[in-house]
Amino acid sequence: MINLSVIEQGIKDLMANQSWPWIREIKTYGGEFDDDITTVIRSFPAIWVVFDGSGTPKKNGYNKTEYPLRFAVLVGARSVRNEESRRQGAGSSIGTYEMLEHVQRLLIGNDLSSVGVKGLAPLELGRTKPVFNTTTRGQSISVLAQEFTTQYTIIASDRDREEAEVGEIHRVNVDYYFQPSDGVEDAADLVEMKEN
């Protein structure tokens, strides 16, 4: 069965299976940048994966719905040299641009079937956005977010989708309350239907 957690874990597993000696950490993003950033940069170079929302679902059958999704992969690097080397890398240190290239080459067109995910449309490249490009405590840090879009089909259960049948209506009762707040029924009509 496919769901958001299976896809997110599949992206992480696929990247973890690569022989990228420069990576220290691959994990799910959980708001780490909202906390103390100096703690987070110790794990650089690092990659985070996060569900970034869905598009409008499209019904394509009585029990099938196409569910378009957007995931973001964040890459983060630091440098003690300068702001340019955090993005472009320097010497043996990788920059976020090269990290981003590795992620793009791995994920574009990938349906994650190699890590056991079944029924997912191939990932397509979306927008790239800077998240951080700053210096803190003498270290330059760069974090970029790369969006990927995909979709899968949700197949509803086989439960009965028919509305319960309503029997024929032969009588209609109408109660009239001229002063609704007094709770007293002032008049009533009973309408009898004739059968044809």
N, C-alpha and C. Protein backbone atom coordinates (compact mmCIF):
# COMPACT_ATOMS: atom_id res chain seq x y z
N MET A 1 0.85 -1.19 0.00
CA MET A 1 0.00 0.00 0.00
C MET A 1 0.89 1.24 0.00
N ILE A 2 0.51 2.21 -0.77
CA ILE A 2 1.29 3.44 -0.89
C ILE A 2 0.60 4.56 -0.10
N ASN A 3 1.40 5.36 0.58
CA ASN A 3 0.89 6.55 1.26
C ASN A 3 2.06 7.53 1.41
N LEU A 4 1.82 8.66 2.03
CA LEU A 4 2.84 9.70 2.13
C LEU A 4 4.09 9.24 2.86
N SER A 5 3.92 8.50 3.94
CA SER A 5 5.10 8.06 4.70
C SER A 5 5.94 7.06 3.91
N VAL A 6 5.30 6.22 3.11
CA VAL A 6 6.03 5.26 2.28
C VAL A 6 6.87 5.99 1.24
N ILE A 7 6.30 7.04 0.64
CA ILE A 7 7.03 7.81 -0.37
C ILE A 7 8.20 8.56 0.27
N GLU A 8 7.94 9.24 1.38
CA GLU A 8 8.99 9.98 2.07
C GLU A 8 10.14 9.06 2.47
N GLN A 9 9.80 7.90 3.04
CA GLN A 9 10.84 6.95 3.44
C GLN A 9 11.55 6.40 2.21
N GLY A 10 10.82 6.19 1.12
CA GLY A 10 11.44 5.69 -0.11
C GLY A 10 12.48 6.65 -0.66
N ILE A 11 12.20 7.95 -0.62
CA ILE A 11 13.17 8.95 -1.08
C ILE A 11 14.41 8.90 -0.19
N LYS A 12 14.22 8.84 1.12
CA LYS A 12 15.37 8.76 2.04
C LYS A 12 16.18 7.49 1.81
N ASP A 13 15.49 6.36 1.66
CA ASP A 13 16.19 5.08 1.45
C ASP A 13 17.00 5.10 0.16
N LEU A 14 16.42 5.66 -0.90
CA LEU A 14 17.12 5.72 -2.18
C LEU A 14 18.41 6.52 -2.05
N MET A 15 18.35 7.65 -1.36
CA MET A 15 19.55 8.47 -1.18
C MET A 15 20.55 7.79 -0.25
N ALA A 16 20.05 7.11 0.79
CA ALA A 16 20.95 6.42 1.72
C ALA A 16 21.69 5.27 1.05
N ASN A 17 21.11 4.70 -0.01
CA ASN A 17 21.74 3.60 -0.74
C ASN A 17 22.87 4.07 -1.66
N GLN A 18 23.02 5.37 -1.83
CA GLN A 18 24.06 5.90 -2.71
C GLN A 18 25.40 5.91 -1.97
N SER A 19 26.45 5.83 -2.74
CA SER A 19 27.78 5.92 -2.11
C SER A 19 28.23 7.37 -2.18
N TRP A 20 27.64 8.17 -1.30
CA TRP A 20 27.98 9.58 -1.18
C TRP A 20 28.77 9.74 0.11
N PRO A 21 30.09 9.66 0.04
CA PRO A 21 30.90 9.72 1.27
C PRO A 21 30.84 11.07 1.97
N TRP A 22 30.41 12.09 1.29
CA TRP A 22 30.38 13.44 1.85
C TRP A 22 29.16 13.68 2.75
N ILE A 23 28.16 12.81 2.71
CA ILE A 23 26.94 13.08 3.46
C ILE A 23 27.06 12.59 4.91
N ARG A 24 26.61 13.42 5.83
CA ARG A 24 26.62 13.04 7.25
C ARG A 24 25.26 12.54 7.71
N GLU A 25 24.20 13.11 7.14
CA GLU A 25 22.87 12.79 7.66
C GLU A 25 21.82 12.92 6.57
N ILE A 26 20.92 11.94 6.51
CA ILE A 26 19.73 12.00 5.64
C ILE A 26 18.55 11.69 6.55
N LYS A 27 17.62 12.63 6.66
CA LYS A 27 16.50 12.41 7.57
C LYS A 27 15.28 13.20 7.13
N THR A 28 14.19 12.99 7.82
CA THR A 28 12.96 13.74 7.57
C THR A 28 13.07 15.09 8.26
N TYR A 29 12.65 16.15 7.56
CA TYR A 29 12.71 17.49 8.15
C TYR A 29 11.58 17.63 9.15
N GLY A 30 11.92 18.10 10.34
CA GLY A 30 10.93 18.27 11.40
C GLY A 30 11.02 19.63 12.07
N GLY A 31 11.36 20.67 11.31
CA GLY A 31 11.42 22.02 11.87
C GLY A 31 12.74 22.37 12.52
N GLU A 32 13.80 21.63 12.19
CA GLU A 32 15.10 21.86 12.82
C GLU A 32 15.60 23.30 12.66
N PHE A 33 15.30 23.94 11.54
CA PHE A 33 15.80 25.29 11.31
C PHE A 33 15.08 26.33 12.17
N ASP A 34 13.96 25.94 12.74
CA ASP A 34 13.24 26.84 13.64
C ASP A 34 13.87 26.86 15.03
N ASP A 35 14.65 25.84 15.33
CA ASP A 35 15.33 25.75 16.62
C ASP A 35 16.70 26.41 16.52
N ASP A 36 17.62 26.00 17.33
CA ASP A 36 18.97 26.56 17.35
C ASP A 36 19.73 26.09 16.12
N ILE A 37 19.98 26.99 15.18
CA ILE A 37 20.63 26.65 13.92
C ILE A 37 22.06 26.18 14.13
N THR A 38 22.71 26.65 15.18
CA THR A 38 24.10 26.24 15.42
C THR A 38 24.18 24.75 15.74
N THR A 39 23.15 24.20 16.35
CA THR A 39 23.12 22.76 16.61
C THR A 39 22.94 21.98 15.31
N VAL A 40 22.11 22.50 14.42
CA VAL A 40 21.80 21.83 13.16
C VAL A 40 23.02 21.78 12.25
N ILE A 41 23.80 22.86 12.21
CA ILE A 41 24.91 22.90 11.24
C ILE A 41 26.01 21.90 11.56
N ARG A 42 26.02 21.35 12.77
CA ARG A 42 27.01 20.31 13.08
C ARG A 42 26.79 19.05 12.24
N SER A 43 25.57 18.86 11.75
CA SER A 43 25.27 17.68 10.94
C SER A 43 25.53 17.90 9.45
N PHE A 44 25.95 19.11 9.06
CA PHE A 44 26.20 19.41 7.64
C PHE A 44 27.46 18.71 7.16
N PRO A 45 27.53 18.30 5.91
CA PRO A 45 26.49 18.36 4.89
C PRO A 45 25.39 17.33 5.17
N ALA A 46 24.16 17.79 4.99
CA ALA A 46 23.01 16.94 5.33
C ALA A 46 21.89 17.14 4.31
N ILE A 47 20.99 16.16 4.29
CA ILE A 47 19.83 16.20 3.40
C ILE A 47 18.59 15.89 4.24
N TRP A 48 17.53 16.64 4.01
CA TRP A 48 16.25 16.42 4.67
C TRP A 48 15.19 16.24 3.60
N VAL A 49 14.19 15.42 3.90
CA VAL A 49 13.06 15.19 3.00
C VAL A 49 11.79 15.58 3.75
N VAL A 50 10.88 16.26 3.04
CA VAL A 50 9.63 16.67 3.68
C VAL A 50 8.50 16.70 2.66
N PHE A 51 7.31 16.29 3.09
CA PHE A 51 6.11 16.42 2.28
C PHE A 51 5.76 17.90 2.23
N ASP A 52 5.55 18.42 1.01
CA ASP A 52 5.37 19.86 0.83
C ASP A 52 3.96 20.22 0.35
N GLY A 53 3.04 19.28 0.38
CA GLY A 53 1.66 19.58 0.01
C GLY A 53 1.18 18.77 -1.18
N SER A 54 -0.09 18.94 -1.50
CA SER A 54 -0.67 18.22 -2.63
C SER A 54 -1.33 19.21 -3.57
N GLY A 55 -1.54 18.74 -4.78
CA GLY A 55 -2.33 19.50 -5.74
C GLY A 55 -3.79 19.11 -5.56
N THR A 56 -4.62 19.54 -6.49
CA THR A 56 -6.04 19.20 -6.43
C THR A 56 -6.25 17.78 -6.94
N PRO A 57 -6.80 16.90 -6.12
CA PRO A 57 -7.06 15.54 -6.58
C PRO A 57 -8.03 15.53 -7.76
N LYS A 58 -7.87 14.54 -8.64
CA LYS A 58 -8.71 14.44 -9.83
C LYS A 58 -9.33 13.05 -9.88
N LYS A 59 -10.64 13.01 -9.86
CA LYS A 59 -11.36 11.73 -9.91
C LYS A 59 -11.28 11.20 -11.33
N ASN A 60 -10.89 9.93 -11.47
CA ASN A 60 -10.80 9.36 -12.82
C ASN A 60 -11.51 8.01 -12.90
N GLY A 61 -12.50 7.83 -12.10
CA GLY A 61 -13.30 6.62 -12.09
C GLY A 61 -14.20 6.67 -10.88
N TYR A 62 -15.14 5.74 -10.81
CA TYR A 62 -16.08 5.80 -9.69
C TYR A 62 -15.40 5.60 -8.34
N ASN A 63 -14.25 4.87 -8.33
CA ASN A 63 -13.56 4.66 -7.05
C ASN A 63 -12.07 4.98 -7.14
N LYS A 64 -11.65 5.70 -8.18
CA LYS A 64 -10.23 6.02 -8.35
C LYS A 64 -10.03 7.53 -8.39
N THR A 65 -9.00 7.98 -7.68
CA THR A 65 -8.67 9.40 -7.63
C THR A 65 -7.16 9.57 -7.79
N GLU A 66 -6.76 10.42 -8.74
CA GLU A 66 -5.34 10.76 -8.89
C GLU A 66 -4.98 11.78 -7.82
N TYR A 67 -3.93 11.50 -7.07
CA TYR A 67 -3.53 12.33 -5.94
C TYR A 67 -2.16 12.94 -6.23
N PRO A 68 -2.11 14.19 -6.73
CA PRO A 68 -0.82 14.83 -7.04
C PRO A 68 -0.14 15.33 -5.77
N LEU A 69 1.18 15.09 -5.69
CA LEU A 69 1.94 15.41 -4.48
C LEU A 69 3.17 16.23 -4.79
N ARG A 70 3.64 16.93 -3.76
CA ARG A 70 4.88 17.70 -3.87
C ARG A 70 5.72 17.40 -2.63
N PHE A 71 6.94 16.97 -2.88
CA PHE A 71 7.92 16.74 -1.81
C PHE A 71 9.07 17.71 -2.02
N ALA A 72 9.74 18.06 -0.94
CA ALA A 72 10.93 18.91 -1.03
C ALA A 72 12.10 18.17 -0.42
N VAL A 73 13.23 18.28 -1.10
CA VAL A 73 14.48 17.74 -0.58
C VAL A 73 15.37 18.94 -0.28
N LEU A 74 15.78 19.09 0.98
CA LEU A 74 16.63 20.19 1.39
C LEU A 74 18.06 19.69 1.51
N VAL A 75 18.99 20.46 0.95
CA VAL A 75 20.41 20.13 1.06
C VAL A 75 21.09 21.27 1.82
N GLY A 76 21.94 20.92 2.76
CA GLY A 76 22.62 21.94 3.57
C GLY A 76 24.10 21.68 3.66
N ALA A 77 24.89 22.74 3.49
CA ALA A 77 26.35 22.65 3.60
C ALA A 77 26.85 23.88 4.36
N ARG A 78 28.04 23.76 4.92
CA ARG A 78 28.66 24.87 5.64
C ARG A 78 30.10 25.01 5.20
N SER A 79 30.65 26.17 5.48
CA SER A 79 32.05 26.42 5.16
C SER A 79 32.61 27.43 6.15
N VAL A 80 33.84 27.19 6.56
CA VAL A 80 34.50 28.17 7.42
C VAL A 80 35.29 29.16 6.57
N ARG A 81 35.35 28.90 5.26
CA ARG A 81 36.12 29.78 4.36
C ARG A 81 35.36 31.05 4.03
N ASN A 82 34.31 30.91 3.21
CA ASN A 82 33.56 32.09 2.78
C ASN A 82 32.19 31.67 2.25
N GLU A 83 31.40 32.68 1.92
CA GLU A 83 30.03 32.39 1.48
C GLU A 83 29.99 31.68 0.13
N GLU A 84 30.95 31.89 -0.72
CA GLU A 84 30.95 31.24 -2.02
C GLU A 84 31.22 29.74 -1.90
N SER A 85 32.11 29.35 -1.02
CA SER A 85 32.47 27.93 -0.89
C SER A 85 31.35 27.10 -0.26
N ARG A 86 30.43 27.71 0.49
CA ARG A 86 29.32 26.94 1.05
C ARG A 86 28.36 26.50 -0.06
N ARG A 87 28.31 27.28 -1.14
CA ARG A 87 27.45 26.92 -2.27
C ARG A 87 28.21 26.12 -3.32
N GLN A 88 29.43 26.57 -3.65
CA GLN A 88 30.17 25.96 -4.75
C GLN A 88 31.14 24.87 -4.29
N GLY A 89 31.38 24.79 -3.00
CA GLY A 89 32.34 23.82 -2.49
C GLY A 89 33.76 24.35 -2.63
N ALA A 90 34.68 23.76 -1.91
CA ALA A 90 36.09 24.15 -1.99
C ALA A 90 36.93 22.99 -1.50
N GLY A 91 37.91 22.62 -2.29
CA GLY A 91 38.76 21.50 -1.91
C GLY A 91 37.94 20.23 -1.80
N SER A 92 38.03 19.57 -0.65
CA SER A 92 37.27 18.33 -0.45
C SER A 92 35.88 18.58 0.12
N SER A 93 35.55 19.83 0.41
CA SER A 93 34.23 20.16 0.96
C SER A 93 33.23 20.37 -0.17
N ILE A 94 32.09 19.71 -0.05
CA ILE A 94 31.06 19.83 -1.06
C ILE A 94 30.19 21.04 -0.76
N GLY A 95 29.69 21.69 -1.81
CA GLY A 95 28.78 22.81 -1.67
C GLY A 95 27.35 22.38 -1.99
N THR A 96 26.41 23.26 -1.70
CA THR A 96 25.00 22.90 -1.91
C THR A 96 24.66 22.74 -3.39
N TYR A 97 25.37 23.45 -4.28
CA TYR A 97 25.07 23.29 -5.71
C TYR A 97 25.38 21.87 -6.18
N GLU A 98 26.51 21.32 -5.76
CA GLU A 98 26.87 19.96 -6.16
C GLU A 98 25.96 18.94 -5.47
N MET A 99 25.62 19.18 -4.22
CA MET A 99 24.69 18.29 -3.53
C MET A 99 23.36 18.25 -4.26
N LEU A 100 22.89 19.43 -4.65
CA LEU A 100 21.63 19.55 -5.37
C LEU A 100 21.68 18.77 -6.69
N GLU A 101 22.80 18.87 -7.39
CA GLU A 101 22.96 18.14 -8.65
C GLU A 101 22.86 16.63 -8.43
N HIS A 102 23.50 16.11 -7.39
CA HIS A 102 23.41 14.68 -7.08
C HIS A 102 21.96 14.26 -6.82
N VAL A 103 21.25 15.05 -6.03
CA VAL A 103 19.86 14.75 -5.70
C VAL A 103 18.99 14.78 -6.96
N GLN A 104 19.17 15.82 -7.78
CA GLN A 104 18.38 15.93 -9.01
C GLN A 104 18.61 14.75 -9.93
N ARG A 105 19.87 14.39 -10.16
CA ARG A 105 20.19 13.27 -11.06
C ARG A 105 19.60 11.96 -10.54
N LEU A 106 19.58 11.79 -9.24
CA LEU A 106 19.05 10.56 -8.66
C LEU A 106 17.53 10.48 -8.74
N LEU A 107 16.85 11.59 -8.47
CA LEU A 107 15.40 11.54 -8.30
C LEU A 107 14.58 11.85 -9.56
N ILE A 108 15.09 12.64 -10.49
CA ILE A 108 14.30 12.98 -11.68
C ILE A 108 13.98 11.70 -12.45
N GLY A 109 12.69 11.47 -12.69
CA GLY A 109 12.24 10.30 -13.43
C GLY A 109 12.21 9.01 -12.63
N ASN A 110 12.54 9.06 -11.35
CA ASN A 110 12.60 7.87 -10.51
C ASN A 110 11.22 7.60 -9.90
N ASP A 111 10.74 6.36 -9.99
CA ASP A 111 9.45 6.01 -9.41
C ASP A 111 9.58 5.28 -8.07
N LEU A 112 10.79 5.21 -7.55
CA LEU A 112 11.11 4.60 -6.25
C LEU A 112 10.83 3.10 -6.19
N SER A 113 10.61 2.47 -7.32
CA SER A 113 10.34 1.03 -7.31
C SER A 113 11.56 0.24 -6.85
N SER A 114 12.75 0.80 -7.02
CA SER A 114 13.97 0.09 -6.59
C SER A 114 14.07 -0.03 -5.07
N VAL A 115 13.29 0.76 -4.35
CA VAL A 115 13.27 0.65 -2.88
C VAL A 115 11.91 0.14 -2.39
N GLY A 116 11.18 -0.51 -3.29
CA GLY A 116 9.94 -1.19 -2.89
C GLY A 116 8.67 -0.38 -2.95
N VAL A 117 8.71 0.85 -3.47
CA VAL A 117 7.50 1.66 -3.59
C VAL A 117 6.83 1.29 -4.91
N LYS A 118 5.57 0.91 -4.86
CA LYS A 118 4.84 0.49 -6.06
C LYS A 118 3.68 1.44 -6.33
N GLY A 119 3.48 1.79 -7.61
CA GLY A 119 2.33 2.59 -8.01
C GLY A 119 2.55 4.09 -8.02
N LEU A 120 3.78 4.53 -7.91
CA LEU A 120 4.08 5.96 -7.88
C LEU A 120 4.51 6.42 -9.27
N ALA A 121 3.97 7.54 -9.72
CA ALA A 121 4.42 8.12 -10.99
C ALA A 121 5.85 8.63 -10.81
N PRO A 122 6.66 8.62 -11.87
CA PRO A 122 8.04 9.11 -11.74
C PRO A 122 8.09 10.54 -11.20
N LEU A 123 9.07 10.80 -10.36
CA LEU A 123 9.26 12.13 -9.79
C LEU A 123 9.67 13.11 -10.89
N GLU A 124 9.09 14.30 -10.85
CA GLU A 124 9.42 15.35 -11.80
C GLU A 124 10.01 16.53 -11.04
N LEU A 125 10.95 17.19 -11.69
CA LEU A 125 11.64 18.33 -11.08
C LEU A 125 10.71 19.52 -10.95
N GLY A 126 10.74 20.14 -9.78
CA GLY A 126 9.97 21.36 -9.53
C GLY A 126 10.92 22.52 -9.29
N ARG A 127 10.47 23.49 -8.53
CA ARG A 127 11.25 24.70 -8.27
C ARG A 127 12.38 24.44 -7.29
N THR A 128 13.42 25.26 -7.40
CA THR A 128 14.52 25.26 -6.43
C THR A 128 14.48 26.59 -5.71
N LYS A 129 14.55 26.55 -4.37
CA LYS A 129 14.46 27.78 -3.59
C LYS A 129 15.56 27.81 -2.53
N PRO A 130 16.15 28.98 -2.30
CA PRO A 130 17.09 29.10 -1.18
C PRO A 130 16.30 29.17 0.13
N VAL A 131 16.77 28.44 1.14
CA VAL A 131 16.15 28.47 2.46
C VAL A 131 17.00 29.31 3.40
N PHE A 132 18.32 29.05 3.41
CA PHE A 132 19.29 29.83 4.18
C PHE A 132 20.49 30.12 3.30
N ASN A 133 21.02 31.30 3.44
CA ASN A 133 22.26 31.70 2.78
C ASN A 133 22.86 32.77 3.69
N THR A 134 23.49 32.32 4.77
CA THR A 134 23.88 33.26 5.81
C THR A 134 25.15 32.81 6.51
N THR A 135 25.63 33.65 7.41
CA THR A 135 26.79 33.32 8.23
C THR A 135 26.36 33.37 9.69
N THR A 136 26.74 32.34 10.45
CA THR A 136 26.44 32.31 11.87
C THR A 136 27.63 31.72 12.62
N ARG A 137 28.06 32.41 13.65
CA ARG A 137 29.20 31.99 14.49
C ARG A 137 30.43 31.62 13.65
N GLY A 138 30.72 32.46 12.68
CA GLY A 138 31.92 32.28 11.87
C GLY A 138 31.82 31.21 10.81
N GLN A 139 30.65 30.61 10.63
CA GLN A 139 30.48 29.59 9.60
C GLN A 139 29.43 30.04 8.61
N SER A 140 29.77 29.94 7.34
CA SER A 140 28.82 30.25 6.28
C SER A 140 27.98 29.01 6.03
N ILE A 141 26.65 29.18 6.00
CA ILE A 141 25.78 28.04 5.73
C ILE A 141 24.88 28.34 4.54
N SER A 142 24.59 27.30 3.80
CA SER A 142 23.69 27.39 2.65
C SER A 142 22.74 26.20 2.71
N VAL A 143 21.45 26.46 2.58
CA VAL A 143 20.45 25.41 2.50
C VAL A 143 19.55 25.73 1.32
N LEU A 144 19.42 24.77 0.41
CA LEU A 144 18.54 24.91 -0.75
C LEU A 144 17.45 23.86 -0.67
N ALA A 145 16.27 24.20 -1.17
CA ALA A 145 15.14 23.26 -1.21
C ALA A 145 14.81 22.97 -2.67
N GLN A 146 14.77 21.70 -3.01
CA GLN A 146 14.40 21.27 -4.36
C GLN A 146 13.06 20.56 -4.29
N GLU A 147 12.07 21.09 -5.04
CA GLU A 147 10.75 20.46 -5.06
C GLU A 147 10.71 19.37 -6.12
N PHE A 148 9.98 18.31 -5.82
CA PHE A 148 9.70 17.24 -6.77
C PHE A 148 8.20 16.97 -6.72
N THR A 149 7.61 16.74 -7.89
CA THR A 149 6.19 16.41 -7.95
C THR A 149 6.02 14.98 -8.44
N THR A 150 4.93 14.38 -8.01
CA THR A 150 4.59 13.02 -8.42
C THR A 150 3.11 12.83 -8.16
N GLN A 151 2.62 11.65 -8.38
CA GLN A 151 1.23 11.34 -8.04
C GLN A 151 1.05 9.84 -7.95
N TYR A 152 -0.03 9.46 -7.31
CA TYR A 152 -0.43 8.06 -7.31
C TYR A 152 -1.94 8.01 -7.28
N THR A 153 -2.48 6.84 -7.57
CA THR A 153 -3.93 6.66 -7.62
C THR A 153 -4.41 6.06 -6.31
N ILE A 154 -5.38 6.72 -5.72
CA ILE A 154 -6.03 6.20 -4.52
C ILE A 154 -7.25 5.42 -5.00
N ILE A 155 -7.34 4.18 -4.60
CA ILE A 155 -8.50 3.36 -4.95
C ILE A 155 -9.32 3.18 -3.69
N ALA A 156 -10.54 3.68 -3.74
CA ALA A 156 -11.42 3.62 -2.57
C ALA A 156 -11.79 2.17 -2.28
N SER A 157 -12.18 1.92 -1.06
CA SER A 157 -12.56 0.56 -0.66
C SER A 157 -13.81 0.12 -1.42
N ASP A 158 -14.11 -1.15 -1.33
CA ASP A 158 -15.25 -1.71 -2.05
C ASP A 158 -16.56 -1.57 -1.28
N ARG A 159 -16.60 -0.70 -0.33
CA ARG A 159 -17.83 -0.55 0.45
C ARG A 159 -18.98 -0.11 -0.46
N ASP A 160 -20.19 -0.32 -0.01
CA ASP A 160 -21.38 0.03 -0.79
C ASP A 160 -21.49 1.55 -0.84
N ARG A 161 -21.50 2.08 -2.04
CA ARG A 161 -21.58 3.53 -2.22
C ARG A 161 -22.99 4.01 -2.57
N GLU A 162 -23.93 3.10 -2.60
CA GLU A 162 -25.30 3.48 -2.94
C GLU A 162 -25.96 4.11 -1.71
N GLU A 163 -26.74 5.12 -1.97
CA GLU A 163 -27.51 5.72 -0.90
C GLU A 163 -28.61 4.73 -0.50
N ALA A 164 -28.96 4.73 0.75
CA ALA A 164 -30.06 3.87 1.19
C ALA A 164 -31.33 4.31 0.48
N GLU A 165 -32.08 3.33 0.01
CA GLU A 165 -33.31 3.67 -0.70
C GLU A 165 -34.32 4.23 0.29
N VAL A 166 -34.99 5.27 -0.17
CA VAL A 166 -36.04 5.88 0.63
C VAL A 166 -37.35 5.38 0.07
N GLY A 167 -38.20 4.88 0.95
CA GLY A 167 -39.51 4.40 0.49
C GLY A 167 -40.33 5.55 -0.08
N GLU A 168 -41.37 5.19 -0.78
CA GLU A 168 -42.22 6.21 -1.37
C GLU A 168 -42.89 7.01 -0.25
N ILE A 169 -43.05 8.28 -0.50
CA ILE A 169 -43.68 9.16 0.48
C ILE A 169 -45.16 9.27 0.12
N HIS A 170 -46.03 8.88 1.06
CA HIS A 170 -47.47 8.92 0.82
C HIS A 170 -48.14 10.03 1.62
N ARG A 171 -47.47 10.51 2.67
CA ARG A 171 -48.05 11.57 3.50
C ARG A 171 -46.97 12.56 3.90
N VAL A 172 -47.36 13.84 3.96
CA VAL A 172 -46.46 14.89 4.42
C VAL A 172 -47.21 15.68 5.48
N ASN A 173 -46.60 15.83 6.65
CA ASN A 173 -47.19 16.59 7.73
C ASN A 173 -46.45 17.92 7.87
N VAL A 174 -47.18 19.03 7.93
CA VAL A 174 -46.58 20.35 8.08
C VAL A 174 -47.16 20.98 9.36
N ASP A 175 -46.27 21.35 10.29
CA ASP A 175 -46.69 22.02 11.53
C ASP A 175 -46.36 23.50 11.41
N TYR A 176 -47.28 24.36 11.90
CA TYR A 176 -47.10 25.80 11.84
C TYR A 176 -46.93 26.36 13.26
N TYR A 177 -45.91 27.19 13.43
CA TYR A 177 -45.64 27.85 14.70
C TYR A 177 -45.61 29.35 14.43
N PHE A 178 -46.67 30.08 14.82
CA PHE A 178 -46.74 31.51 14.56
C PHE A 178 -45.85 32.29 15.51
N GLN A 179 -45.63 31.78 16.68
CA GLN A 179 -44.66 32.33 17.62
C GLN A 179 -43.72 31.18 18.00
N PRO A 180 -42.64 31.02 17.22
CA PRO A 180 -41.76 29.85 17.43
C PRO A 180 -41.22 29.74 18.84
N SER A 181 -41.03 30.85 19.52
CA SER A 181 -40.42 30.79 20.85
C SER A 181 -41.35 30.19 21.91
N ASP A 182 -42.67 30.15 21.63
CA ASP A 182 -43.56 29.61 22.66
C ASP A 182 -43.69 28.09 22.60
N GLY A 183 -43.18 27.47 21.52
CA GLY A 183 -43.18 26.01 21.41
C GLY A 183 -44.56 25.39 21.23
N VAL A 184 -45.56 26.22 20.95
CA VAL A 184 -46.92 25.71 20.78
C VAL A 184 -47.24 25.62 19.30
N GLU A 185 -47.66 24.42 18.88
CA GLU A 185 -48.07 24.21 17.49
C GLU A 185 -49.41 24.91 17.29
N ASP A 186 -49.43 25.90 16.37
CA ASP A 186 -50.65 26.68 16.17
C ASP A 186 -51.57 26.05 15.14
N ALA A 187 -51.02 25.34 14.18
CA ALA A 187 -51.85 24.68 13.17
C ALA A 187 -51.03 23.57 12.54
N ALA A 188 -51.71 22.66 11.86
CA ALA A 188 -51.03 21.56 11.19
C ALA A 188 -51.82 21.16 9.96
N ASP A 189 -51.11 20.71 8.95
CA ASP A 189 -51.73 20.17 7.74
C ASP A 189 -51.15 18.80 7.48
N LEU A 190 -52.00 17.89 7.07
CA LEU A 190 -51.56 16.56 6.66
C LEU A 190 -51.96 16.41 5.21
N VAL A 191 -50.97 16.24 4.36
CA VAL A 191 -51.24 16.10 2.93
C VAL A 191 -51.11 14.63 2.57
N GLU A 192 -52.18 14.06 2.04
CA GLU A 192 -52.19 12.65 1.61
C GLU A 192 -51.95 12.62 0.11
N MET A 193 -51.01 11.77 -0.31
CA MET A 193 -50.71 11.62 -1.72
C MET A 193 -51.58 10.51 -2.29
N LYS A 194 -52.02 10.73 -3.53
CA LYS A 194 -52.82 9.71 -4.20
C LYS A 194 -51.90 8.81 -5.00
N GLU A 195 -52.22 7.54 -5.01
CA GLU A 195 -51.45 6.61 -5.83
C GLU A 195 -52.02 6.63 -7.23
N ASN A 196 -51.17 6.53 -8.24
CA ASN A 196 -51.62 6.51 -9.64
C ASN A 196 -52.01 5.14 -10.06
